[in-house]
N, C-alpha and C. Protein backbone atom coordinates (compact mmCIF):
# COMPACT_ATOMS: atom_id res chain seq x y z
N MET A 1 22.28 -10.13 -27.09
CA MET A 1 23.52 -10.97 -27.00
C MET A 1 23.42 -11.92 -25.73
N ARG A 2 22.33 -11.91 -25.07
CA ARG A 2 22.15 -12.92 -23.84
C ARG A 2 22.11 -14.26 -24.45
N PRO A 3 22.70 -15.28 -23.73
CA PRO A 3 23.25 -15.20 -22.33
C PRO A 3 24.66 -14.68 -22.23
N LEU A 4 25.34 -14.39 -23.39
CA LEU A 4 26.67 -14.12 -23.31
C LEU A 4 26.99 -12.74 -22.44
N THR A 5 26.09 -11.89 -22.52
CA THR A 5 26.17 -10.61 -21.80
C THR A 5 25.57 -10.63 -20.44
N ASP A 6 25.10 -11.80 -19.89
CA ASP A 6 24.63 -11.84 -18.57
C ASP A 6 25.64 -11.56 -17.50
N THR A 7 26.93 -11.91 -17.91
CA THR A 7 28.11 -11.75 -16.96
C THR A 7 29.15 -10.95 -17.58
N CYS A 8 29.21 -10.61 -18.80
CA CYS A 8 30.17 -9.91 -19.51
C CYS A 8 29.61 -8.75 -20.32
N PRO A 9 30.09 -7.54 -20.15
CA PRO A 9 29.63 -6.45 -21.01
C PRO A 9 29.95 -6.65 -22.48
N LYS A 10 29.08 -6.22 -23.30
CA LYS A 10 29.42 -6.47 -24.78
C LYS A 10 30.75 -6.18 -25.23
N PRO A 11 31.26 -4.96 -24.97
CA PRO A 11 32.62 -4.58 -25.44
C PRO A 11 33.69 -5.52 -25.00
N LEU A 12 33.47 -6.42 -24.06
CA LEU A 12 34.50 -7.37 -23.60
C LEU A 12 34.40 -8.80 -24.24
N LEU A 13 33.29 -8.93 -25.05
CA LEU A 13 33.18 -10.17 -25.69
C LEU A 13 34.38 -10.49 -26.57
N GLN A 14 34.75 -11.78 -26.63
CA GLN A 14 36.05 -12.07 -27.35
C GLN A 14 35.71 -12.46 -28.78
N VAL A 15 36.59 -11.88 -29.69
CA VAL A 15 36.44 -12.29 -31.12
C VAL A 15 38.03 -12.64 -31.56
N ALA A 16 38.15 -13.92 -31.81
CA ALA A 16 39.49 -14.42 -32.21
C ALA A 16 40.55 -14.12 -31.18
N GLY A 17 40.14 -14.34 -29.89
CA GLY A 17 41.08 -14.11 -28.74
C GLY A 17 41.35 -12.65 -28.36
N LYS A 18 40.48 -11.83 -28.77
CA LYS A 18 40.65 -10.36 -28.38
C LYS A 18 39.38 -9.74 -28.15
N ALA A 19 39.24 -8.97 -27.00
CA ALA A 19 38.07 -8.26 -26.78
C ALA A 19 37.62 -7.27 -27.89
N LEU A 20 36.33 -7.09 -28.16
CA LEU A 20 35.86 -6.21 -29.14
C LEU A 20 36.47 -4.80 -28.90
N ILE A 21 36.49 -4.39 -27.60
CA ILE A 21 37.00 -2.95 -27.32
C ILE A 21 38.47 -2.86 -27.50
N GLN A 22 39.24 -3.94 -27.46
CA GLN A 22 40.63 -3.87 -27.78
C GLN A 22 40.92 -3.54 -29.19
N TYR A 23 40.15 -4.10 -30.11
CA TYR A 23 40.22 -3.67 -31.55
C TYR A 23 40.05 -2.20 -31.76
N HIS A 24 39.06 -1.72 -31.06
CA HIS A 24 38.81 -0.09 -31.29
C HIS A 24 40.00 0.58 -30.62
N LEU A 25 40.50 0.35 -29.44
CA LEU A 25 41.53 1.06 -28.86
C LEU A 25 42.82 0.96 -29.63
N GLU A 26 43.13 -0.17 -30.15
CA GLU A 26 44.27 -0.30 -31.06
C GLU A 26 44.12 0.50 -32.31
N ALA A 27 42.92 0.47 -32.93
CA ALA A 27 42.72 1.38 -34.05
C ALA A 27 42.82 2.88 -33.83
N LEU A 28 42.35 3.28 -32.66
CA LEU A 28 42.47 4.68 -32.25
C LEU A 28 43.86 5.03 -32.11
N SER A 29 44.64 4.23 -31.40
CA SER A 29 46.03 4.44 -31.22
C SER A 29 46.79 4.62 -32.54
N ARG A 30 46.53 3.70 -33.47
CA ARG A 30 47.15 3.68 -34.88
C ARG A 30 46.82 5.01 -35.55
N ALA A 31 45.61 5.49 -35.31
CA ALA A 31 45.13 6.75 -35.94
C ALA A 31 45.84 8.03 -35.31
N GLY A 32 46.50 7.74 -34.27
CA GLY A 32 47.21 9.04 -33.66
C GLY A 32 46.42 9.62 -32.61
N ILE A 33 45.38 9.05 -32.23
CA ILE A 33 44.46 9.64 -31.19
C ILE A 33 45.04 9.18 -29.88
N THR A 34 44.99 10.08 -28.88
CA THR A 34 45.73 9.73 -27.63
C THR A 34 44.84 9.82 -26.38
N LYS A 35 43.66 10.60 -26.56
CA LYS A 35 42.69 10.72 -25.49
C LYS A 35 41.46 10.12 -25.75
N VAL A 36 40.81 9.18 -24.91
CA VAL A 36 39.70 8.45 -25.16
C VAL A 36 38.84 8.52 -23.85
N VAL A 37 37.57 8.71 -24.11
CA VAL A 37 36.49 8.56 -23.11
C VAL A 37 35.69 7.28 -23.39
N ILE A 38 35.46 6.53 -22.41
CA ILE A 38 34.67 5.35 -22.51
C ILE A 38 33.41 5.47 -21.71
N ASN A 39 32.19 5.47 -22.38
CA ASN A 39 30.92 5.39 -21.77
C ASN A 39 30.56 3.90 -21.35
N HIS A 40 30.12 3.74 -20.14
CA HIS A 40 29.66 2.36 -19.77
C HIS A 40 28.60 2.41 -18.71
N ALA A 41 27.78 1.35 -18.79
CA ALA A 41 26.64 1.21 -17.85
C ALA A 41 26.67 -0.20 -17.28
N TRP A 42 26.13 -1.18 -18.05
CA TRP A 42 25.99 -2.53 -17.57
C TRP A 42 27.38 -3.17 -17.36
N LEU A 43 27.79 -3.59 -16.15
CA LEU A 43 28.97 -4.32 -15.76
C LEU A 43 30.16 -3.43 -16.22
N GLY A 44 30.03 -2.11 -16.14
CA GLY A 44 31.05 -1.21 -16.57
C GLY A 44 32.37 -1.35 -15.84
N GLU A 45 32.31 -1.83 -14.54
CA GLU A 45 33.50 -1.99 -13.75
C GLU A 45 34.40 -2.97 -14.42
N GLN A 46 33.86 -3.92 -15.10
CA GLN A 46 34.69 -4.93 -15.80
C GLN A 46 35.50 -4.18 -16.96
N ILE A 47 34.88 -3.31 -17.66
CA ILE A 47 35.57 -2.60 -18.66
C ILE A 47 36.73 -1.72 -18.06
N GLU A 48 36.45 -1.10 -17.05
CA GLU A 48 37.50 -0.28 -16.33
C GLU A 48 38.65 -1.19 -15.89
N GLU A 49 38.33 -2.25 -15.38
CA GLU A 49 39.39 -3.24 -14.94
C GLU A 49 40.21 -3.71 -16.11
N PHE A 50 39.64 -3.94 -17.22
CA PHE A 50 40.34 -4.44 -18.43
C PHE A 50 41.16 -3.34 -19.06
N VAL A 51 40.61 -2.17 -19.23
CA VAL A 51 41.35 -1.11 -20.00
C VAL A 51 42.30 -0.29 -19.04
N LYS A 52 41.92 -0.12 -17.80
CA LYS A 52 42.61 0.63 -16.88
C LYS A 52 42.86 2.10 -17.30
N SER A 53 44.16 2.55 -17.29
CA SER A 53 44.43 3.94 -17.64
C SER A 53 44.57 4.05 -19.23
N GLY A 54 44.64 2.88 -19.91
CA GLY A 54 44.80 2.84 -21.31
C GLY A 54 46.22 2.95 -21.74
N SER A 55 47.16 3.00 -20.85
CA SER A 55 48.60 3.24 -21.24
C SER A 55 49.11 2.11 -22.02
N GLN A 56 48.56 0.83 -21.77
CA GLN A 56 49.03 -0.26 -22.53
C GLN A 56 48.83 -0.10 -24.08
N PHE A 57 47.77 0.67 -24.36
CA PHE A 57 47.45 0.94 -25.72
C PHE A 57 47.96 2.29 -26.26
N GLY A 58 48.78 2.98 -25.47
CA GLY A 58 49.29 4.27 -25.78
C GLY A 58 48.30 5.31 -25.70
N LEU A 59 47.24 5.13 -24.86
CA LEU A 59 46.15 6.00 -24.76
C LEU A 59 46.09 6.61 -23.29
N GLU A 60 45.37 7.72 -23.23
CA GLU A 60 45.02 8.25 -21.82
C GLU A 60 43.40 8.12 -21.79
N VAL A 61 43.01 7.20 -20.90
CA VAL A 61 41.57 6.84 -20.95
C VAL A 61 40.82 7.38 -19.76
N ASN A 62 39.74 8.05 -20.01
CA ASN A 62 38.81 8.46 -18.78
C ASN A 62 37.42 7.76 -19.10
N TYR A 63 36.61 7.73 -18.00
CA TYR A 63 35.47 6.95 -17.93
C TYR A 63 34.24 7.81 -17.64
N SER A 64 33.18 7.59 -18.38
CA SER A 64 31.81 8.23 -18.11
C SER A 64 30.84 7.15 -17.73
N ALA A 65 30.68 6.99 -16.48
CA ALA A 65 29.77 5.95 -15.84
C ALA A 65 28.42 6.35 -15.96
N GLU A 66 27.36 5.59 -16.41
CA GLU A 66 25.96 5.82 -16.48
C GLU A 66 25.29 5.09 -15.41
N GLN A 67 24.46 5.72 -14.59
CA GLN A 67 23.68 5.10 -13.48
C GLN A 67 22.58 4.23 -14.16
N GLU A 68 22.10 4.79 -15.29
CA GLU A 68 21.12 4.01 -15.99
C GLU A 68 21.59 4.03 -17.47
N ALA A 69 21.12 3.11 -18.25
CA ALA A 69 21.66 3.14 -19.72
C ALA A 69 21.02 4.30 -20.43
N LEU A 70 21.81 5.25 -21.03
CA LEU A 70 21.34 6.46 -21.58
C LEU A 70 21.26 6.45 -23.04
N GLU A 71 21.48 5.30 -23.59
CA GLU A 71 21.39 5.11 -25.04
C GLU A 71 22.47 5.88 -25.78
N THR A 72 22.46 5.90 -27.09
CA THR A 72 23.58 6.46 -27.89
C THR A 72 23.65 7.98 -27.75
N GLY A 73 22.67 8.73 -27.65
CA GLY A 73 22.55 10.07 -27.51
C GLY A 73 22.81 10.61 -26.12
N GLY A 74 22.02 10.00 -25.19
CA GLY A 74 22.19 10.47 -23.79
C GLY A 74 23.48 10.15 -23.18
N GLY A 75 24.11 9.01 -23.67
CA GLY A 75 25.46 8.70 -23.15
C GLY A 75 26.53 9.72 -23.56
N ILE A 76 26.39 10.20 -24.81
CA ILE A 76 27.36 11.25 -25.30
C ILE A 76 27.10 12.52 -24.53
N CYS A 77 25.89 12.87 -24.26
CA CYS A 77 25.60 14.15 -23.58
C CYS A 77 26.20 14.05 -22.11
N ASN A 78 26.13 12.91 -21.60
CA ASN A 78 26.58 12.69 -20.16
C ASN A 78 28.04 12.72 -20.09
N ALA A 79 28.75 12.41 -21.30
CA ALA A 79 30.21 12.48 -21.24
C ALA A 79 30.74 13.84 -21.65
N LEU A 80 29.95 14.75 -22.17
CA LEU A 80 30.45 16.04 -22.75
C LEU A 80 31.41 16.74 -21.87
N PRO A 81 31.23 16.76 -20.54
CA PRO A 81 32.22 17.50 -19.67
C PRO A 81 33.66 16.98 -19.88
N LEU A 82 33.88 15.60 -20.31
CA LEU A 82 35.16 15.01 -20.46
C LEU A 82 35.65 15.24 -21.95
N LEU A 83 34.85 15.73 -22.79
CA LEU A 83 35.11 15.67 -24.23
C LEU A 83 35.68 16.97 -24.80
N GLY A 84 35.57 18.04 -24.03
CA GLY A 84 36.14 19.39 -24.44
C GLY A 84 35.32 20.17 -25.52
N THR A 85 35.88 21.02 -26.22
CA THR A 85 35.14 21.91 -27.08
C THR A 85 35.42 21.77 -28.52
N GLU A 86 36.24 20.80 -28.84
CA GLU A 86 36.56 20.42 -30.24
C GLU A 86 35.84 19.21 -30.70
N PRO A 87 35.68 19.01 -31.99
CA PRO A 87 34.99 17.81 -32.52
C PRO A 87 35.65 16.58 -32.01
N PHE A 88 34.90 15.55 -31.89
CA PHE A 88 35.36 14.28 -31.30
C PHE A 88 34.79 13.10 -32.10
N LEU A 89 35.46 12.01 -32.13
CA LEU A 89 35.15 10.81 -32.70
C LEU A 89 34.35 9.81 -31.81
N VAL A 90 33.28 9.25 -32.23
CA VAL A 90 32.57 8.21 -31.47
C VAL A 90 32.43 6.92 -32.22
N ILE A 91 32.71 5.80 -31.54
CA ILE A 91 32.64 4.41 -32.04
C ILE A 91 31.71 3.62 -31.10
N ASN A 92 30.60 3.12 -31.66
CA ASN A 92 29.84 2.17 -30.94
C ASN A 92 30.64 0.97 -30.43
N GLY A 93 30.38 0.65 -29.13
CA GLY A 93 31.19 -0.56 -28.70
C GLY A 93 30.77 -1.91 -29.15
N ASP A 94 29.62 -1.88 -29.88
CA ASP A 94 29.18 -3.30 -30.32
C ASP A 94 29.31 -3.47 -31.84
N VAL A 95 30.31 -2.77 -32.50
CA VAL A 95 30.66 -2.97 -33.92
C VAL A 95 32.06 -3.40 -34.10
N TRP A 96 32.47 -3.89 -35.22
CA TRP A 96 33.82 -4.35 -35.52
C TRP A 96 34.06 -3.91 -36.92
N THR A 97 35.23 -3.27 -37.09
CA THR A 97 35.63 -2.80 -38.46
C THR A 97 37.02 -2.77 -38.66
N THR A 98 37.39 -2.68 -39.95
CA THR A 98 38.85 -2.51 -40.34
C THR A 98 39.01 -0.99 -40.83
N MET A 99 38.08 -0.14 -40.53
CA MET A 99 38.16 1.31 -41.03
C MET A 99 39.43 1.90 -40.46
N ASP A 100 40.06 2.70 -41.39
CA ASP A 100 41.24 3.48 -40.97
C ASP A 100 40.66 4.80 -40.44
N LEU A 101 40.86 5.07 -39.18
CA LEU A 101 40.17 6.21 -38.47
C LEU A 101 41.01 7.51 -38.73
N ALA A 102 42.24 7.44 -39.21
CA ALA A 102 43.18 8.60 -39.21
C ALA A 102 42.60 9.89 -40.09
N HIS A 103 41.92 9.48 -41.03
CA HIS A 103 41.40 10.42 -42.09
C HIS A 103 40.06 11.01 -41.70
N PHE A 104 39.29 10.41 -40.75
CA PHE A 104 37.96 10.72 -40.47
C PHE A 104 37.86 12.12 -39.77
N GLN A 105 37.39 13.08 -40.44
CA GLN A 105 37.29 14.47 -39.88
C GLN A 105 35.96 15.13 -40.22
N LEU A 106 35.68 16.17 -39.35
CA LEU A 106 34.49 16.92 -39.53
C LEU A 106 34.78 18.21 -40.49
N ALA A 107 33.99 18.34 -41.51
CA ALA A 107 34.18 19.44 -42.41
C ALA A 107 33.73 20.74 -41.76
N LYS A 108 34.27 21.80 -42.26
CA LYS A 108 33.87 23.20 -41.67
C LYS A 108 32.31 23.49 -41.89
N GLY A 109 31.75 23.87 -40.96
CA GLY A 109 30.25 24.25 -41.04
C GLY A 109 29.31 23.05 -40.78
N LYS A 110 29.87 21.88 -40.52
CA LYS A 110 28.99 20.72 -40.22
C LYS A 110 29.04 20.46 -38.68
N LEU A 111 28.00 19.72 -38.34
CA LEU A 111 27.92 19.34 -36.90
C LEU A 111 28.25 17.80 -36.72
N ALA A 112 28.11 17.08 -37.89
CA ALA A 112 28.32 15.63 -37.69
C ALA A 112 28.91 15.13 -39.08
N HIS A 113 29.70 14.17 -39.10
CA HIS A 113 30.28 13.46 -40.24
C HIS A 113 30.11 11.88 -39.99
N LEU A 114 29.34 11.15 -40.72
CA LEU A 114 29.00 9.80 -40.51
C LEU A 114 29.64 8.77 -41.37
N ALA A 115 30.08 7.65 -40.95
CA ALA A 115 30.54 6.55 -41.73
C ALA A 115 29.27 5.71 -42.03
N MET A 116 28.95 5.58 -43.33
CA MET A 116 27.78 4.89 -43.84
C MET A 116 28.22 3.60 -44.45
N VAL A 117 27.55 2.51 -44.28
CA VAL A 117 27.90 1.13 -44.80
C VAL A 117 26.64 0.52 -45.54
N ASP A 118 27.06 -0.42 -46.45
CA ASP A 118 25.98 -1.20 -47.16
C ASP A 118 25.12 -1.85 -46.06
N ASN A 119 23.82 -1.95 -46.47
CA ASN A 119 22.88 -2.53 -45.47
C ASN A 119 23.07 -3.99 -45.24
N PRO A 120 23.23 -4.31 -43.96
CA PRO A 120 23.44 -5.75 -43.60
C PRO A 120 22.06 -6.49 -43.65
N GLU A 121 22.22 -7.81 -43.67
CA GLU A 121 20.97 -8.57 -43.75
C GLU A 121 19.93 -8.28 -42.80
N GLN A 122 20.25 -7.92 -41.53
CA GLN A 122 19.35 -7.70 -40.38
C GLN A 122 18.87 -6.32 -40.55
N HIS A 123 19.31 -5.40 -41.47
CA HIS A 123 18.83 -4.11 -41.50
C HIS A 123 18.78 -3.63 -42.97
N LEU A 124 18.03 -4.33 -43.76
CA LEU A 124 17.99 -4.06 -45.28
C LEU A 124 17.37 -2.72 -45.60
N GLU A 125 16.54 -2.05 -44.77
CA GLU A 125 15.94 -0.87 -45.05
C GLU A 125 16.89 0.30 -44.94
N GLY A 126 17.95 0.06 -44.32
CA GLY A 126 18.89 1.23 -44.08
C GLY A 126 18.48 2.33 -43.18
N ASP A 127 19.25 3.39 -43.08
CA ASP A 127 18.95 4.48 -42.13
C ASP A 127 18.83 5.82 -42.85
N PHE A 128 19.81 6.24 -43.52
CA PHE A 128 19.91 7.51 -44.17
C PHE A 128 20.38 7.50 -45.68
N HIS A 129 20.11 8.55 -46.43
CA HIS A 129 20.53 8.59 -47.83
C HIS A 129 21.75 9.39 -47.87
N LEU A 130 22.69 9.01 -48.73
CA LEU A 130 23.92 9.75 -48.84
C LEU A 130 24.10 10.20 -50.37
N ILE A 131 24.24 11.42 -50.53
CA ILE A 131 24.42 11.93 -51.97
C ILE A 131 25.31 13.19 -51.88
N ASN A 132 26.44 13.05 -52.72
CA ASN A 132 27.37 14.15 -52.79
C ASN A 132 28.01 14.42 -51.34
N ASP A 133 28.18 13.57 -50.58
CA ASP A 133 28.79 13.71 -49.20
C ASP A 133 27.78 14.29 -48.19
N GLU A 134 26.49 14.46 -48.67
CA GLU A 134 25.47 15.00 -47.82
C GLU A 134 24.61 13.83 -47.29
N VAL A 135 24.30 13.84 -46.01
CA VAL A 135 23.40 12.78 -45.49
C VAL A 135 21.90 13.39 -45.24
N ASP A 136 20.91 12.70 -45.63
CA ASP A 136 19.60 13.13 -45.22
C ASP A 136 18.64 12.00 -45.02
N CYS A 137 17.56 12.30 -44.44
CA CYS A 137 16.66 11.28 -43.96
C CYS A 137 15.70 10.59 -44.99
N TYR A 138 15.46 11.34 -46.16
CA TYR A 138 14.38 10.96 -46.98
C TYR A 138 14.71 10.34 -48.28
N GLY A 139 15.90 10.62 -48.80
CA GLY A 139 16.24 10.09 -50.11
C GLY A 139 16.38 8.66 -50.18
N GLU A 140 16.36 8.12 -51.36
CA GLU A 140 16.59 6.74 -51.63
C GLU A 140 17.70 6.53 -52.68
N PRO A 141 18.51 5.50 -52.64
CA PRO A 141 18.45 4.38 -51.69
C PRO A 141 19.12 4.80 -50.33
N LYS A 142 18.83 4.08 -49.28
CA LYS A 142 19.49 4.40 -48.05
C LYS A 142 20.65 3.40 -47.56
N LEU A 143 21.50 3.94 -46.89
CA LEU A 143 22.58 3.19 -46.39
C LEU A 143 22.41 3.01 -44.85
N THR A 144 23.17 2.19 -44.20
CA THR A 144 23.12 2.02 -42.77
C THR A 144 24.29 2.85 -42.14
N PHE A 145 23.77 3.48 -40.99
CA PHE A 145 24.79 4.22 -40.17
C PHE A 145 25.61 3.27 -39.36
N SER A 146 26.93 3.37 -39.48
CA SER A 146 27.81 2.27 -38.92
C SER A 146 28.05 2.49 -37.43
N GLY A 147 27.52 3.63 -36.78
CA GLY A 147 27.79 3.70 -35.41
C GLY A 147 29.09 4.31 -35.22
N ILE A 148 29.69 4.98 -36.27
CA ILE A 148 30.99 5.67 -36.28
C ILE A 148 30.79 6.98 -36.83
N GLY A 149 31.11 8.04 -36.09
CA GLY A 149 30.95 9.38 -36.55
C GLY A 149 31.83 10.37 -35.79
N VAL A 150 32.01 11.53 -36.34
CA VAL A 150 32.71 12.64 -35.85
C VAL A 150 31.64 13.75 -35.48
N TYR A 151 31.61 14.32 -34.26
CA TYR A 151 30.46 15.37 -33.92
C TYR A 151 31.20 16.63 -33.28
N HIS A 152 30.51 17.61 -33.51
CA HIS A 152 30.89 18.95 -32.85
C HIS A 152 30.03 18.97 -31.65
N PRO A 153 30.59 19.43 -30.45
CA PRO A 153 29.82 19.44 -29.26
C PRO A 153 28.52 20.25 -29.44
N LYS A 154 28.51 21.30 -30.38
CA LYS A 154 27.28 22.08 -30.60
C LYS A 154 26.11 21.28 -31.08
N LEU A 155 26.37 20.05 -31.61
CA LEU A 155 25.25 19.19 -31.99
C LEU A 155 24.44 18.82 -30.80
N PHE A 156 25.03 18.90 -29.51
CA PHE A 156 24.25 18.50 -28.35
C PHE A 156 23.85 19.64 -27.48
N ASP A 157 23.86 20.86 -28.10
CA ASP A 157 23.48 22.00 -27.24
C ASP A 157 22.05 21.93 -26.60
N ASN A 158 21.08 21.33 -27.29
CA ASN A 158 19.79 21.25 -26.79
C ASN A 158 19.36 19.85 -26.59
N CYS A 159 20.27 18.95 -26.26
CA CYS A 159 20.00 17.56 -26.12
C CYS A 159 18.91 17.31 -24.89
N PRO A 160 18.14 16.41 -25.06
CA PRO A 160 17.09 15.98 -24.03
C PRO A 160 17.77 15.48 -22.79
N ILE A 161 17.13 15.54 -21.70
CA ILE A 161 17.70 15.00 -20.40
C ILE A 161 17.28 13.59 -20.31
N GLY A 162 18.20 12.71 -19.96
CA GLY A 162 17.99 11.31 -19.87
C GLY A 162 18.21 10.51 -21.08
N PRO A 163 17.77 9.24 -21.15
CA PRO A 163 18.03 8.41 -22.25
C PRO A 163 17.47 8.92 -23.55
N PHE A 164 18.18 8.88 -24.64
CA PHE A 164 17.61 9.15 -26.07
C PHE A 164 18.62 8.70 -27.07
N SER A 165 18.13 8.45 -28.20
CA SER A 165 18.91 7.87 -29.42
C SER A 165 19.53 9.01 -30.16
N LEU A 166 20.78 8.89 -30.57
CA LEU A 166 21.50 9.82 -31.25
C LEU A 166 20.86 10.33 -32.53
N PRO A 167 20.21 9.44 -33.37
CA PRO A 167 19.51 9.94 -34.60
C PRO A 167 18.47 11.03 -34.36
N VAL A 168 17.98 11.19 -33.09
CA VAL A 168 17.07 12.28 -32.91
C VAL A 168 17.74 13.60 -33.26
N LEU A 169 18.94 13.75 -32.71
CA LEU A 169 19.72 15.05 -32.98
C LEU A 169 20.21 15.03 -34.41
N LEU A 170 20.62 13.89 -34.95
CA LEU A 170 21.17 13.89 -36.33
C LEU A 170 20.07 14.30 -37.30
N ARG A 171 18.79 13.76 -37.12
CA ARG A 171 17.79 14.22 -38.05
C ARG A 171 17.52 15.69 -38.17
N GLU A 172 17.60 16.32 -36.86
CA GLU A 172 17.47 17.82 -36.82
C GLU A 172 18.54 18.47 -37.55
N ALA A 173 19.81 17.98 -37.41
CA ALA A 173 20.90 18.61 -38.10
C ALA A 173 20.88 18.36 -39.57
N MET A 174 20.34 17.15 -39.97
CA MET A 174 20.19 16.94 -41.42
C MET A 174 19.29 17.84 -42.12
N ALA A 175 18.23 18.21 -41.38
CA ALA A 175 17.24 19.18 -41.90
C ALA A 175 17.85 20.54 -42.22
N LYS A 176 18.91 20.89 -41.51
CA LYS A 176 19.71 22.17 -41.82
C LYS A 176 20.89 21.96 -42.59
N LYS A 177 21.19 20.80 -43.27
CA LYS A 177 22.17 20.49 -44.11
C LYS A 177 23.59 20.62 -43.32
N GLN A 178 23.47 20.09 -42.04
CA GLN A 178 24.69 20.14 -41.27
C GLN A 178 25.32 18.79 -40.93
N VAL A 179 24.87 17.72 -41.80
CA VAL A 179 25.55 16.48 -41.65
C VAL A 179 26.10 15.89 -42.92
N SER A 180 27.36 15.60 -42.81
CA SER A 180 28.07 15.01 -44.07
C SER A 180 28.31 13.53 -43.76
N GLY A 181 28.83 12.82 -44.78
CA GLY A 181 29.06 11.42 -44.66
C GLY A 181 29.93 10.88 -45.69
N GLU A 182 30.36 9.60 -45.59
CA GLU A 182 31.10 8.88 -46.52
C GLU A 182 30.72 7.42 -46.53
N HIS A 183 30.80 6.79 -47.67
CA HIS A 183 30.39 5.43 -47.78
C HIS A 183 31.62 4.57 -47.64
N PHE A 184 31.69 3.77 -46.51
CA PHE A 184 32.87 2.86 -46.21
C PHE A 184 32.42 1.56 -46.72
N LYS A 185 33.28 1.06 -47.63
CA LYS A 185 33.03 -0.26 -48.32
C LYS A 185 33.88 -1.47 -47.89
N GLY A 186 34.62 -1.21 -46.73
CA GLY A 186 35.46 -2.24 -46.17
C GLY A 186 34.66 -3.12 -45.13
N HIS A 187 35.34 -3.88 -44.35
CA HIS A 187 34.71 -4.79 -43.59
C HIS A 187 34.06 -4.02 -42.26
N TRP A 188 32.90 -4.35 -41.95
CA TRP A 188 32.11 -3.69 -40.87
C TRP A 188 31.09 -4.71 -40.44
N TYR A 189 30.95 -4.94 -39.13
CA TYR A 189 30.04 -5.96 -38.58
C TYR A 189 29.33 -5.33 -37.34
N ASP A 190 28.09 -5.52 -37.28
CA ASP A 190 27.19 -5.11 -36.06
C ASP A 190 27.14 -6.39 -35.33
N ILE A 191 27.77 -6.44 -34.08
CA ILE A 191 27.78 -7.66 -33.25
C ILE A 191 26.39 -7.58 -32.34
N GLY A 192 25.31 -7.90 -32.98
CA GLY A 192 24.12 -7.79 -32.22
C GLY A 192 23.46 -9.03 -31.78
N ARG A 193 23.99 -10.14 -32.35
CA ARG A 193 23.62 -11.50 -32.11
C ARG A 193 24.71 -12.45 -31.85
N PRO A 194 24.62 -13.44 -31.06
CA PRO A 194 25.76 -14.36 -30.87
C PRO A 194 26.25 -14.98 -32.21
N VAL A 195 25.22 -15.34 -33.11
CA VAL A 195 25.66 -15.83 -34.41
C VAL A 195 26.57 -14.95 -35.27
N ARG A 196 26.32 -13.68 -35.16
CA ARG A 196 27.20 -12.76 -35.89
C ARG A 196 28.58 -12.68 -35.35
N LEU A 197 28.76 -12.83 -33.93
CA LEU A 197 30.02 -12.83 -33.21
C LEU A 197 30.75 -14.07 -33.78
N THR A 198 30.05 -15.27 -33.85
CA THR A 198 30.71 -16.49 -34.23
C THR A 198 31.14 -16.38 -35.72
N GLU A 199 30.29 -15.84 -36.60
CA GLU A 199 30.60 -15.69 -38.04
C GLU A 199 31.85 -14.82 -38.21
N LEU A 200 31.87 -13.67 -37.57
CA LEU A 200 33.08 -12.77 -37.54
C LEU A 200 34.27 -13.52 -37.11
N GLU A 201 34.26 -14.17 -36.05
CA GLU A 201 35.46 -14.93 -35.50
C GLU A 201 35.90 -15.93 -36.50
N GLN A 202 35.07 -16.65 -37.12
CA GLN A 202 35.45 -17.66 -38.13
C GLN A 202 36.10 -17.07 -39.34
N LYS A 203 35.69 -15.81 -39.75
CA LYS A 203 36.35 -15.08 -40.93
C LYS A 203 37.66 -14.60 -40.59
N ILE A 204 37.83 -14.10 -39.33
CA ILE A 204 39.22 -13.67 -39.03
C ILE A 204 40.13 -14.89 -38.89
N LEU A 205 39.74 -15.89 -38.23
CA LEU A 205 40.55 -17.01 -38.03
C LEU A 205 40.94 -17.81 -39.30
N SER A 206 39.94 -17.72 -40.30
CA SER A 206 40.24 -18.39 -41.56
C SER A 206 41.04 -17.56 -42.46
N GLY A 207 41.37 -16.25 -42.12
CA GLY A 207 42.18 -15.45 -42.94
C GLY A 207 41.33 -14.58 -43.90
N ASP A 208 39.98 -14.77 -43.94
CA ASP A 208 39.04 -14.07 -44.86
C ASP A 208 39.08 -12.60 -44.55
N ILE A 209 39.46 -12.25 -43.30
CA ILE A 209 39.56 -10.77 -42.91
C ILE A 209 40.91 -10.59 -42.29
N SER A 210 41.78 -9.70 -42.63
CA SER A 210 43.04 -9.44 -42.04
C SER A 210 43.09 -8.08 -41.44
């Protein structure tokens, strides 16, 4: 996302007059979630200044600051002391979606529940196979992991020290049939390039997405 992110962390990039992270916080509040933990590394102080306590969104927000970027898995492990002992919802800061988060729950006996989406142009090979609400690594066809999931803290019992990608642990859990999922067919965008940010903004402003 450079040069946009040279001076602005990705979650604060504006889409139709609103920061990406604001869309998430408003969606969490609508879903009845009240406690939020925000991971941050690059220019994270700007995120804290923008969100503050979270009270303007009806939320109680705490922060998990990373001295180095710990990636999707390491960042969650670093935040575990703030997350408690119950399953928790995670949303990547660089996606945008209209998904209703209120129904998103972890089934009994599972360690993870993932929102899967149709493969976007930039990731046509997909990530995981979804069949009968079960997610595995090897089947075909594959869908793309949205970056939105519910996890049990036990998924991270043996997590590596330092930076690592969340799929490392997810694949281990999939091998034990401990990962479920659902196919979300609504609006979802991975904001990984400036052109995608522009395309999304144009669709919102034109009324193609509401």
